[in-house]
Each structure stands twice: as structure tokens, then as C-alpha cells.
């Protein structure tokens, strides 16, 4: 069972309003920028994503991050889930990410979360991303009931929701499988 229509084509470049920044699907080759961004903001990111996802661990190595990005790249190609990296115009710095995933919890047909690096918190780029993501999801993604995690629902409220009947889970090897399969 697919969570997206068979003919859905995911966006490959999404400019942020105001210019100078864009989103694109993350790739394994982005590991040098991603590792620096994640580990440079790790403590704050842990307070957001740690309880739900166990990420990013204080012990995450560069190689573990690179392997995770390869997994994301393969999931994007298979339309299993999506990780979009936020870059400056020249792609010299990864500044955050947007995750678009199949629902793990009941009541939604897609789950979306995002973050920026510490130095952008509260600034214009974060505000542009916060304004863009809900509009982008509504305009370009085939969801009727997307859930904006940490925005319209707190992470603790999300954790308390019942599992989606077709929740996608990762097994011990990081492979995605639909429950019940």
C-alpha cells in the first residue's frame, strides 16, 4: 500500500520567499554540511526531536550521519518518506531540514516537521520557512489532513496519539515497512 498517489512527482527545488535560500531533497553527498548543522545545533534539536525520534544522539558519528542520509536518499527515490535540506543559494551551508513522512499516528495522511540551525532561530530565514512549509504542503503535496508536528500539535500530544493503522515503521536495520505486512 502506498501513502502517495502512484503518479505523484515530488518537488525537486523549492525557493524560500525573499530569495537566497531553497529546499531540495537531501543526498548522501550532503553529509559534510548536514553533520556540521546537526551537531552544531544538537542540544536544541534533541529537546525537539529526542523524545519522539531519539535524534540526534550525542554520540552520532559522521559515518552514521552519512549512512542516515543515504537511507533518506533511497527513501526519497522510492517515495517512502522525504527529507528536504534548507540551503543557502550556493549550497555552501545546510541550514535546516523539512521532513515529510507517512503518518505514524491516527488522524493524518502525512506528518511534517522542520528545523533550522541555532543561529537562524527567530530570524528572517526561520520565519520564511515557517510561513512557506504549510503553504507548500497544501499546494504541492496530495494530503487532505497533513499534521504539522511541533506546530499545530505538540510533540508530547503527538506521542500520546494512537498509532495509525497503516503506520510505517523502521526495523532494526533501518528498513521501512508498513505495520501488518
N, C-alpha and C. Protein backbone atom coordinates (compact mmCIF):
# COMPACT_ATOMS: atom_id res chain seq x y z
N UNK A 1 0.83 -1.17 0.00
CA UNK A 1 0.00 0.00 0.00
C UNK A 1 0.88 1.24 0.00
N UNK A 2 0.59 2.17 -0.91
CA UNK A 2 1.37 3.39 -0.99
C UNK A 2 0.65 4.52 -0.27
N UNK A 3 1.38 5.40 0.33
CA UNK A 3 0.80 6.54 1.04
C UNK A 3 0.64 7.74 0.12
N UNK A 4 1.23 7.68 -1.09
CA UNK A 4 1.11 8.75 -2.08
C UNK A 4 0.56 8.18 -3.39
N UNK A 5 -0.13 9.00 -4.18
CA UNK A 5 -0.60 8.51 -5.48
C UNK A 5 0.58 8.05 -6.34
N UNK A 6 0.35 7.02 -7.14
CA UNK A 6 1.42 6.48 -7.98
C UNK A 6 2.01 7.51 -8.93
N UNK A 7 1.21 8.48 -9.36
CA UNK A 7 1.70 9.47 -10.32
C UNK A 7 2.25 10.74 -9.67
N UNK A 8 2.38 10.74 -8.35
CA UNK A 8 2.88 11.93 -7.67
C UNK A 8 4.36 12.14 -7.99
N UNK A 9 4.70 13.37 -8.32
CA UNK A 9 6.09 13.75 -8.57
C UNK A 9 6.48 14.76 -7.49
N UNK A 10 7.46 14.41 -6.68
CA UNK A 10 7.86 15.30 -5.58
C UNK A 10 8.65 16.50 -6.12
N UNK A 11 8.47 17.64 -5.50
CA UNK A 11 9.22 18.83 -5.90
C UNK A 11 10.73 18.60 -5.70
N UNK A 12 11.53 19.15 -6.61
CA UNK A 12 12.98 18.97 -6.51
C UNK A 12 13.71 20.25 -6.11
N UNK A 13 13.05 21.41 -6.20
CA UNK A 13 13.64 22.66 -5.76
C UNK A 13 12.52 23.59 -5.32
N UNK A 14 12.61 24.07 -4.10
CA UNK A 14 11.58 24.93 -3.54
C UNK A 14 12.26 26.19 -2.99
N UNK A 15 12.12 27.32 -3.70
CA UNK A 15 12.73 28.55 -3.20
C UNK A 15 11.98 29.12 -2.02
N UNK A 16 12.71 29.66 -1.06
CA UNK A 16 12.09 30.37 0.06
C UNK A 16 11.76 31.79 -0.40
N UNK A 17 10.65 32.34 0.07
CA UNK A 17 10.34 33.74 -0.26
C UNK A 17 11.50 34.64 0.18
N UNK A 18 11.76 35.66 -0.62
CA UNK A 18 12.83 36.59 -0.29
C UNK A 18 14.14 36.25 -0.97
N UNK A 19 14.22 35.06 -1.57
CA UNK A 19 15.43 34.67 -2.28
C UNK A 19 16.59 34.34 -1.36
N UNK A 20 17.60 33.74 -1.96
CA UNK A 20 18.81 33.43 -1.23
C UNK A 20 18.84 32.07 -0.56
N UNK A 21 17.69 31.41 -0.42
CA UNK A 21 17.63 30.09 0.23
C UNK A 21 16.63 29.21 -0.51
N UNK A 22 16.86 27.92 -0.43
CA UNK A 22 15.94 26.98 -1.07
C UNK A 22 15.98 25.63 -0.36
N UNK A 23 14.96 24.84 -0.63
CA UNK A 23 14.87 23.46 -0.18
C UNK A 23 15.10 22.55 -1.37
N UNK A 24 15.77 21.44 -1.13
CA UNK A 24 15.87 20.37 -2.13
C UNK A 24 16.04 19.06 -1.40
N UNK A 25 15.69 17.94 -2.05
CA UNK A 25 15.86 16.65 -1.40
C UNK A 25 17.32 16.44 -0.97
N UNK A 26 17.48 15.92 0.23
CA UNK A 26 18.82 15.70 0.77
C UNK A 26 19.45 14.49 0.09
N UNK A 27 20.78 14.50 0.04
CA UNK A 27 21.54 13.40 -0.57
C UNK A 27 22.67 12.99 0.36
N UNK A 28 23.16 11.80 0.15
CA UNK A 28 24.30 11.31 0.93
C UNK A 28 25.47 12.28 0.84
N UNK A 29 25.67 12.87 -0.33
CA UNK A 29 26.79 13.79 -0.54
C UNK A 29 26.69 15.05 0.32
N UNK A 30 25.54 15.30 0.92
CA UNK A 30 25.36 16.48 1.78
C UNK A 30 25.88 16.25 3.20
N UNK A 31 26.41 15.07 3.47
CA UNK A 31 26.84 14.73 4.83
C UNK A 31 27.79 15.75 5.47
N UNK A 32 28.78 16.28 4.77
CA UNK A 32 29.65 17.25 5.45
C UNK A 32 28.88 18.47 5.98
N UNK A 33 27.96 18.98 5.19
CA UNK A 33 27.16 20.13 5.62
C UNK A 33 26.14 19.73 6.68
N UNK A 34 25.50 18.57 6.48
CA UNK A 34 24.46 18.12 7.40
C UNK A 34 25.04 17.83 8.78
N UNK A 35 26.15 17.14 8.82
CA UNK A 35 26.75 16.78 10.11
C UNK A 35 27.10 18.04 10.90
N UNK A 36 27.69 19.01 10.22
CA UNK A 36 28.05 20.27 10.88
C UNK A 36 26.79 20.97 11.40
N UNK A 37 25.73 21.01 10.60
CA UNK A 37 24.49 21.69 11.00
C UNK A 37 23.83 20.97 12.19
N UNK A 38 23.69 19.67 12.09
CA UNK A 38 23.01 18.90 13.13
C UNK A 38 23.79 18.94 14.44
N UNK A 39 25.07 18.65 14.38
CA UNK A 39 25.85 18.59 15.61
C UNK A 39 26.08 19.98 16.20
N UNK A 40 26.08 21.01 15.36
CA UNK A 40 26.21 22.37 15.85
C UNK A 40 24.96 22.85 16.58
N UNK A 41 23.83 22.22 16.31
CA UNK A 41 22.56 22.58 16.94
C UNK A 41 21.98 21.41 17.74
N UNK A 42 22.81 20.41 18.01
CA UNK A 42 22.35 19.15 18.58
C UNK A 42 21.57 19.29 19.88
N UNK A 43 22.04 20.09 20.79
CA UNK A 43 21.35 20.18 22.09
C UNK A 43 19.92 20.68 21.92
N UNK A 44 19.72 21.72 21.11
CA UNK A 44 18.36 22.23 20.89
C UNK A 44 17.54 21.24 20.08
N UNK A 45 18.15 20.62 19.06
CA UNK A 45 17.41 19.64 18.26
C UNK A 45 16.97 18.45 19.12
N UNK A 46 17.82 18.04 20.07
CA UNK A 46 17.45 16.93 20.95
C UNK A 46 16.21 17.28 21.76
N UNK A 47 16.10 18.53 22.22
CA UNK A 47 14.92 18.91 23.02
C UNK A 47 13.65 18.85 22.18
N UNK A 48 13.78 19.01 20.87
CA UNK A 48 12.62 18.96 19.97
C UNK A 48 12.32 17.52 19.55
N UNK A 49 13.30 16.85 18.99
CA UNK A 49 13.10 15.55 18.35
C UNK A 49 13.50 14.34 19.20
N UNK A 50 14.31 14.56 20.21
CA UNK A 50 14.83 13.45 21.01
C UNK A 50 13.78 12.54 21.60
N UNK A 51 12.78 13.09 22.32
CA UNK A 51 11.78 12.21 22.93
C UNK A 51 11.00 11.37 21.92
N UNK A 52 10.76 11.92 20.74
CA UNK A 52 9.96 11.19 19.74
C UNK A 52 10.82 10.31 18.84
N UNK A 53 11.95 10.82 18.41
CA UNK A 53 12.76 10.13 17.40
C UNK A 53 14.09 9.61 17.93
N UNK A 54 14.49 10.02 19.14
CA UNK A 54 15.80 9.63 19.64
C UNK A 54 16.93 10.22 18.81
N UNK A 55 16.71 11.41 18.28
CA UNK A 55 17.64 12.06 17.35
C UNK A 55 17.80 13.52 17.70
N UNK A 56 18.95 14.07 17.51
CA UNK A 56 20.25 13.47 17.19
C UNK A 56 21.00 13.06 18.46
N UNK A 57 21.48 11.86 18.47
CA UNK A 57 22.20 11.35 19.63
C UNK A 57 23.52 12.10 19.80
N UNK A 58 23.92 12.29 21.02
CA UNK A 58 25.19 12.98 21.31
C UNK A 58 26.37 12.22 20.73
N UNK A 59 26.21 10.92 20.53
CA UNK A 59 27.29 10.07 20.05
C UNK A 59 27.25 9.85 18.54
N UNK A 60 26.37 10.56 17.83
CA UNK A 60 26.26 10.36 16.38
C UNK A 60 27.59 10.71 15.69
N UNK A 61 28.09 9.78 14.92
CA UNK A 61 29.34 9.99 14.20
C UNK A 61 29.04 10.51 12.80
N UNK A 62 30.08 11.02 12.16
CA UNK A 62 29.95 11.46 10.77
C UNK A 62 29.49 10.29 9.90
N UNK A 63 30.07 9.13 10.10
CA UNK A 63 29.72 7.96 9.27
C UNK A 63 28.26 7.55 9.49
N UNK A 64 27.79 7.62 10.73
CA UNK A 64 26.38 7.31 11.00
C UNK A 64 25.47 8.32 10.31
N UNK A 65 25.85 9.59 10.32
CA UNK A 65 25.06 10.61 9.64
C UNK A 65 25.05 10.36 8.13
N UNK A 66 26.20 10.05 7.57
CA UNK A 66 26.29 9.77 6.13
C UNK A 66 25.40 8.58 5.76
N UNK A 67 25.43 7.53 6.56
CA UNK A 67 24.58 6.37 6.30
C UNK A 67 23.10 6.73 6.40
N UNK A 68 22.76 7.59 7.37
CA UNK A 68 21.38 8.05 7.53
C UNK A 68 20.95 8.85 6.30
N UNK A 69 21.83 9.69 5.78
CA UNK A 69 21.48 10.47 4.58
C UNK A 69 21.32 9.57 3.36
N UNK A 70 22.12 8.53 3.26
CA UNK A 70 21.95 7.57 2.16
C UNK A 70 20.59 6.89 2.27
N UNK A 71 20.20 6.53 3.49
CA UNK A 71 18.88 5.94 3.70
C UNK A 71 17.79 6.92 3.28
N UNK A 72 17.92 8.19 3.69
CA UNK A 72 16.94 9.20 3.28
C UNK A 72 16.89 9.33 1.76
N UNK A 73 18.04 9.35 1.12
CA UNK A 73 18.09 9.49 -0.34
C UNK A 73 17.35 8.33 -1.01
N UNK A 74 17.54 7.13 -0.51
CA UNK A 74 16.85 5.96 -1.07
C UNK A 74 15.35 6.03 -0.80
N UNK A 75 14.95 6.47 0.40
CA UNK A 75 13.53 6.60 0.73
C UNK A 75 12.86 7.65 -0.16
N UNK A 76 13.56 8.73 -0.45
CA UNK A 76 13.02 9.76 -1.34
C UNK A 76 12.80 9.17 -2.73
N UNK A 77 13.79 8.47 -3.25
CA UNK A 77 13.68 7.86 -4.58
C UNK A 77 12.51 6.88 -4.65
N UNK A 78 12.24 6.18 -3.56
CA UNK A 78 11.16 5.20 -3.50
C UNK A 78 9.83 5.82 -3.07
N UNK A 79 9.83 7.12 -2.79
CA UNK A 79 8.64 7.84 -2.29
C UNK A 79 8.11 7.25 -0.99
N UNK A 80 9.02 6.80 -0.13
CA UNK A 80 8.64 6.26 1.18
C UNK A 80 8.57 7.35 2.24
N UNK A 81 9.46 8.32 2.16
CA UNK A 81 9.47 9.50 3.02
C UNK A 81 10.40 10.51 2.38
N UNK A 82 10.37 11.74 2.90
CA UNK A 82 11.12 12.82 2.26
C UNK A 82 11.83 13.66 3.30
N UNK A 83 13.08 13.98 3.01
CA UNK A 83 13.87 14.89 3.82
C UNK A 83 14.39 15.95 2.86
N UNK A 84 13.94 17.18 3.06
CA UNK A 84 14.41 18.30 2.26
C UNK A 84 15.39 19.11 3.08
N UNK A 85 16.54 19.40 2.51
CA UNK A 85 17.55 20.22 3.18
C UNK A 85 17.33 21.68 2.80
N UNK A 86 17.52 22.56 3.77
CA UNK A 86 17.47 24.00 3.55
C UNK A 86 18.90 24.47 3.33
N UNK A 87 19.13 25.09 2.16
CA UNK A 87 20.46 25.56 1.80
C UNK A 87 20.45 27.05 1.50
N UNK A 88 21.63 27.64 1.62
CA UNK A 88 21.84 28.98 1.08
C UNK A 88 21.91 28.84 -0.44
N UNK A 89 21.92 29.95 -1.14
CA UNK A 89 21.86 29.92 -2.61
C UNK A 89 22.96 29.09 -3.24
N UNK A 90 24.18 29.21 -2.74
CA UNK A 90 25.30 28.48 -3.31
C UNK A 90 25.50 27.09 -2.74
N UNK A 91 24.62 26.66 -1.87
CA UNK A 91 24.70 25.36 -1.19
C UNK A 91 26.05 25.18 -0.49
N UNK A 92 26.50 26.27 0.15
CA UNK A 92 27.72 26.19 0.93
C UNK A 92 27.44 25.86 2.38
N UNK A 93 26.16 25.92 2.79
CA UNK A 93 25.79 25.61 4.17
C UNK A 93 24.39 25.01 4.19
N UNK A 94 24.25 23.91 4.91
CA UNK A 94 22.94 23.33 5.18
C UNK A 94 22.44 24.02 6.45
N UNK A 95 21.23 24.58 6.38
CA UNK A 95 20.72 25.44 7.44
C UNK A 95 19.51 24.88 8.16
N UNK A 96 19.06 23.69 7.79
CA UNK A 96 17.90 23.08 8.41
C UNK A 96 17.35 21.98 7.52
N UNK A 97 16.24 21.41 7.95
CA UNK A 97 15.60 20.34 7.18
C UNK A 97 14.10 20.38 7.37
N UNK A 98 13.40 19.82 6.37
CA UNK A 98 11.96 19.60 6.43
C UNK A 98 11.73 18.12 6.18
N UNK A 99 10.98 17.47 7.07
CA UNK A 99 10.68 16.04 6.95
C UNK A 99 9.21 15.88 6.59
N UNK A 100 8.94 15.09 5.57
CA UNK A 100 7.58 14.79 5.15
C UNK A 100 7.47 13.27 5.15
N UNK A 101 6.65 12.77 6.07
CA UNK A 101 6.62 11.33 6.32
C UNK A 101 5.21 10.78 6.28
N UNK A 102 5.09 9.47 6.03
CA UNK A 102 3.79 8.82 6.20
C UNK A 102 3.38 8.94 7.66
N UNK A 103 2.09 8.94 7.92
CA UNK A 103 1.66 9.12 9.31
C UNK A 103 2.00 7.92 10.19
N UNK A 104 2.56 8.23 11.34
CA UNK A 104 2.77 7.20 12.37
C UNK A 104 1.59 7.15 13.32
N UNK A 105 0.85 8.26 13.40
CA UNK A 105 -0.26 8.38 14.35
C UNK A 105 -1.57 8.62 13.60
N UNK A 106 -2.68 8.15 14.17
CA UNK A 106 -4.00 8.29 13.57
C UNK A 106 -4.38 9.75 13.40
N UNK A 107 -5.23 10.01 12.39
CA UNK A 107 -5.81 11.32 12.21
C UNK A 107 -5.13 12.19 11.16
N UNK A 108 -4.14 11.67 10.47
CA UNK A 108 -3.44 12.44 9.44
C UNK A 108 -3.08 11.53 8.28
N UNK A 109 -2.83 12.13 7.13
CA UNK A 109 -2.36 11.34 5.99
C UNK A 109 -0.91 11.68 5.62
N UNK A 110 -0.30 12.57 6.36
CA UNK A 110 1.10 12.91 6.22
C UNK A 110 1.53 13.67 7.46
N UNK A 111 2.80 13.53 7.84
CA UNK A 111 3.32 14.24 9.01
C UNK A 111 4.55 15.03 8.60
N UNK A 112 4.57 16.29 9.01
CA UNK A 112 5.60 17.22 8.57
C UNK A 112 6.25 17.89 9.79
N UNK A 113 7.57 17.94 9.77
CA UNK A 113 8.31 18.62 10.84
C UNK A 113 9.50 19.32 10.19
N UNK A 114 9.99 20.38 10.85
CA UNK A 114 11.15 21.09 10.31
C UNK A 114 11.91 21.80 11.40
N UNK A 115 13.14 22.18 11.04
CA UNK A 115 14.04 22.88 11.97
C UNK A 115 15.03 23.72 11.19
N UNK A 116 15.63 24.66 11.89
CA UNK A 116 16.75 25.44 11.37
C UNK A 116 17.89 25.37 12.38
N UNK A 117 19.09 25.70 11.92
CA UNK A 117 20.25 25.72 12.81
C UNK A 117 20.08 26.82 13.85
N UNK A 118 20.78 26.67 14.95
CA UNK A 118 20.65 27.59 16.08
C UNK A 118 20.77 29.06 15.68
N UNK A 119 21.73 29.38 14.82
CA UNK A 119 21.96 30.80 14.51
C UNK A 119 20.83 31.44 13.70
N UNK A 120 19.91 30.64 13.17
CA UNK A 120 18.77 31.19 12.42
C UNK A 120 17.48 31.26 13.24
N UNK A 121 17.48 30.69 14.44
CA UNK A 121 16.28 30.68 15.27
C UNK A 121 15.82 32.11 15.54
N UNK A 122 14.53 32.36 15.23
CA UNK A 122 13.94 33.66 15.46
C UNK A 122 14.20 34.69 14.37
N UNK A 123 15.02 34.34 13.39
CA UNK A 123 15.38 35.28 12.34
C UNK A 123 14.50 35.18 11.09
N UNK A 124 14.86 35.96 10.09
CA UNK A 124 14.07 36.05 8.86
C UNK A 124 13.99 34.73 8.10
N UNK A 125 15.08 33.98 8.05
CA UNK A 125 15.06 32.72 7.31
C UNK A 125 14.12 31.72 7.99
N UNK A 126 14.19 31.62 9.31
CA UNK A 126 13.27 30.73 10.01
C UNK A 126 11.83 31.17 9.79
N UNK A 127 11.57 32.46 9.87
CA UNK A 127 10.21 32.97 9.67
C UNK A 127 9.73 32.67 8.25
N UNK A 128 10.61 32.80 7.26
CA UNK A 128 10.24 32.48 5.87
C UNK A 128 9.93 31.00 5.73
N UNK A 129 10.73 30.15 6.37
CA UNK A 129 10.48 28.70 6.31
C UNK A 129 9.17 28.35 7.01
N UNK A 130 8.95 28.95 8.19
CA UNK A 130 7.71 28.70 8.93
C UNK A 130 6.48 29.10 8.12
N UNK A 131 6.58 30.16 7.34
CA UNK A 131 5.47 30.60 6.50
C UNK A 131 5.33 29.72 5.26
N UNK A 132 6.45 29.32 4.70
CA UNK A 132 6.44 28.53 3.46
C UNK A 132 5.90 27.12 3.64
N UNK A 133 6.37 26.40 4.64
CA UNK A 133 6.09 24.96 4.73
C UNK A 133 4.59 24.65 4.71
N UNK A 134 3.76 25.26 5.54
CA UNK A 134 2.32 24.91 5.47
C UNK A 134 1.70 25.22 4.09
N UNK A 135 2.09 26.34 3.48
CA UNK A 135 1.56 26.69 2.15
C UNK A 135 2.04 25.70 1.10
N UNK A 136 3.30 25.34 1.16
CA UNK A 136 3.90 24.41 0.21
C UNK A 136 3.24 23.03 0.31
N UNK A 137 3.06 22.57 1.53
CA UNK A 137 2.42 21.27 1.73
C UNK A 137 1.00 21.29 1.18
N UNK A 138 0.26 22.37 1.45
CA UNK A 138 -1.13 22.48 0.96
C UNK A 138 -1.19 22.57 -0.56
N UNK A 139 -0.24 23.24 -1.17
CA UNK A 139 -0.29 23.48 -2.61
C UNK A 139 0.30 22.33 -3.44
N UNK A 140 1.38 21.71 -2.97
CA UNK A 140 2.14 20.79 -3.82
C UNK A 140 2.13 19.33 -3.40
N UNK A 141 1.51 19.02 -2.27
CA UNK A 141 1.50 17.65 -1.78
C UNK A 141 0.06 17.14 -1.73
N UNK A 142 -0.15 15.85 -1.97
CA UNK A 142 -1.51 15.31 -2.10
C UNK A 142 -2.15 14.91 -0.77
N UNK A 143 -2.00 15.75 0.25
CA UNK A 143 -2.55 15.42 1.56
C UNK A 143 -3.87 16.14 1.78
N UNK A 144 -4.79 15.44 2.44
CA UNK A 144 -6.05 16.06 2.87
C UNK A 144 -5.98 16.48 4.33
N UNK A 145 -5.16 15.75 5.12
CA UNK A 145 -5.05 16.02 6.55
C UNK A 145 -3.59 15.95 7.00
N UNK A 146 -2.75 16.87 6.51
CA UNK A 146 -1.35 16.83 6.99
C UNK A 146 -1.28 17.31 8.44
N UNK A 147 -0.35 16.75 9.17
CA UNK A 147 -0.14 17.14 10.56
C UNK A 147 1.23 17.82 10.66
N UNK A 148 1.24 19.04 11.18
CA UNK A 148 2.47 19.81 11.34
C UNK A 148 2.98 19.60 12.77
N UNK A 149 3.93 18.69 12.90
CA UNK A 149 4.44 18.30 14.21
C UNK A 149 5.23 19.42 14.87
N UNK A 150 4.92 19.64 16.13
CA UNK A 150 5.59 20.70 16.87
C UNK A 150 5.07 22.08 16.53
N UNK A 151 4.06 22.15 15.70
CA UNK A 151 3.49 23.43 15.27
C UNK A 151 2.01 23.48 15.66
N UNK A 152 1.19 22.67 14.98
CA UNK A 152 -0.24 22.65 15.32
C UNK A 152 -0.56 21.64 16.40
N UNK A 153 0.41 20.80 16.70
CA UNK A 153 0.29 19.81 17.77
C UNK A 153 1.67 19.67 18.41
N UNK A 154 1.70 19.62 19.73
CA UNK A 154 2.99 19.48 20.40
C UNK A 154 3.49 18.05 20.22
N UNK A 155 4.79 17.88 20.41
CA UNK A 155 5.37 16.55 20.30
C UNK A 155 4.80 15.62 21.37
N UNK A 156 4.57 16.13 22.58
CA UNK A 156 4.02 15.27 23.63
C UNK A 156 2.59 14.86 23.29
N UNK A 157 1.79 15.76 22.71
CA UNK A 157 0.43 15.40 22.27
C UNK A 157 0.51 14.35 21.16
N UNK A 158 1.45 14.52 20.24
CA UNK A 158 1.61 13.58 19.15
C UNK A 158 1.98 12.19 19.67
N UNK A 159 2.93 12.15 20.62
CA UNK A 159 3.34 10.86 21.18
C UNK A 159 2.17 10.13 21.85
N UNK A 160 1.20 10.88 22.38
CA UNK A 160 0.07 10.28 23.08
C UNK A 160 -1.02 9.77 22.12
N UNK A 161 -0.95 10.14 20.85
CA UNK A 161 -1.97 9.69 19.89
C UNK A 161 -1.84 8.20 19.61
N UNK A 162 -2.95 7.55 19.25
CA UNK A 162 -2.85 6.14 18.86
C UNK A 162 -2.12 5.99 17.53
N UNK A 163 -1.50 4.86 17.35
CA UNK A 163 -0.77 4.58 16.11
C UNK A 163 -1.74 4.57 14.93
N UNK A 164 -1.24 5.03 13.80
CA UNK A 164 -2.01 4.97 12.56
C UNK A 164 -2.13 3.49 12.18
N UNK A 165 -3.29 3.06 11.67
CA UNK A 165 -3.45 1.64 11.35
C UNK A 165 -2.47 1.14 10.29
N UNK A 166 -1.98 2.03 9.44
CA UNK A 166 -1.02 1.65 8.41
C UNK A 166 0.34 2.29 8.68
N UNK A 167 0.67 2.49 9.95
CA UNK A 167 1.90 3.21 10.30
C UNK A 167 3.12 2.56 9.68
N UNK A 168 3.98 3.39 9.19
CA UNK A 168 5.26 2.95 8.63
C UNK A 168 6.25 2.93 9.77
N UNK A 169 6.95 1.88 9.89
CA UNK A 169 7.92 1.74 10.97
C UNK A 169 9.26 1.35 10.36
N UNK A 170 10.33 1.63 11.08
CA UNK A 170 11.64 1.14 10.66
C UNK A 170 12.00 -0.04 11.53
N UNK A 171 12.59 -1.04 10.89
CA UNK A 171 13.01 -2.21 11.66
C UNK A 171 14.43 -1.96 12.17
N UNK A 172 15.03 -2.94 12.79
CA UNK A 172 16.35 -2.77 13.40
C UNK A 172 17.44 -2.45 12.37
N UNK A 173 17.18 -2.73 11.09
CA UNK A 173 18.16 -2.43 10.05
C UNK A 173 17.88 -1.09 9.39
N UNK A 174 16.85 -0.36 9.83
CA UNK A 174 16.54 0.92 9.22
C UNK A 174 15.63 0.82 8.02
N UNK A 175 15.16 -0.39 7.69
CA UNK A 175 14.27 -0.57 6.56
C UNK A 175 12.86 -0.16 6.97
N UNK A 176 12.15 0.44 6.03
CA UNK A 176 10.78 0.87 6.32
C UNK A 176 9.82 -0.24 5.91
N UNK A 177 8.85 -0.48 6.77
CA UNK A 177 7.82 -1.47 6.48
C UNK A 177 6.50 -0.99 7.04
N UNK A 178 5.43 -1.30 6.35
CA UNK A 178 4.10 -0.94 6.85
C UNK A 178 3.71 -1.98 7.89
N UNK A 179 3.17 -1.53 9.01
CA UNK A 179 2.76 -2.48 10.03
C UNK A 179 1.72 -3.42 9.46
N UNK A 180 1.77 -4.63 9.86
CA UNK A 180 0.82 -5.62 9.37
C UNK A 180 1.31 -6.34 8.12
N UNK A 181 2.42 -5.90 7.53
CA UNK A 181 2.92 -6.57 6.34
C UNK A 181 3.89 -7.67 6.72
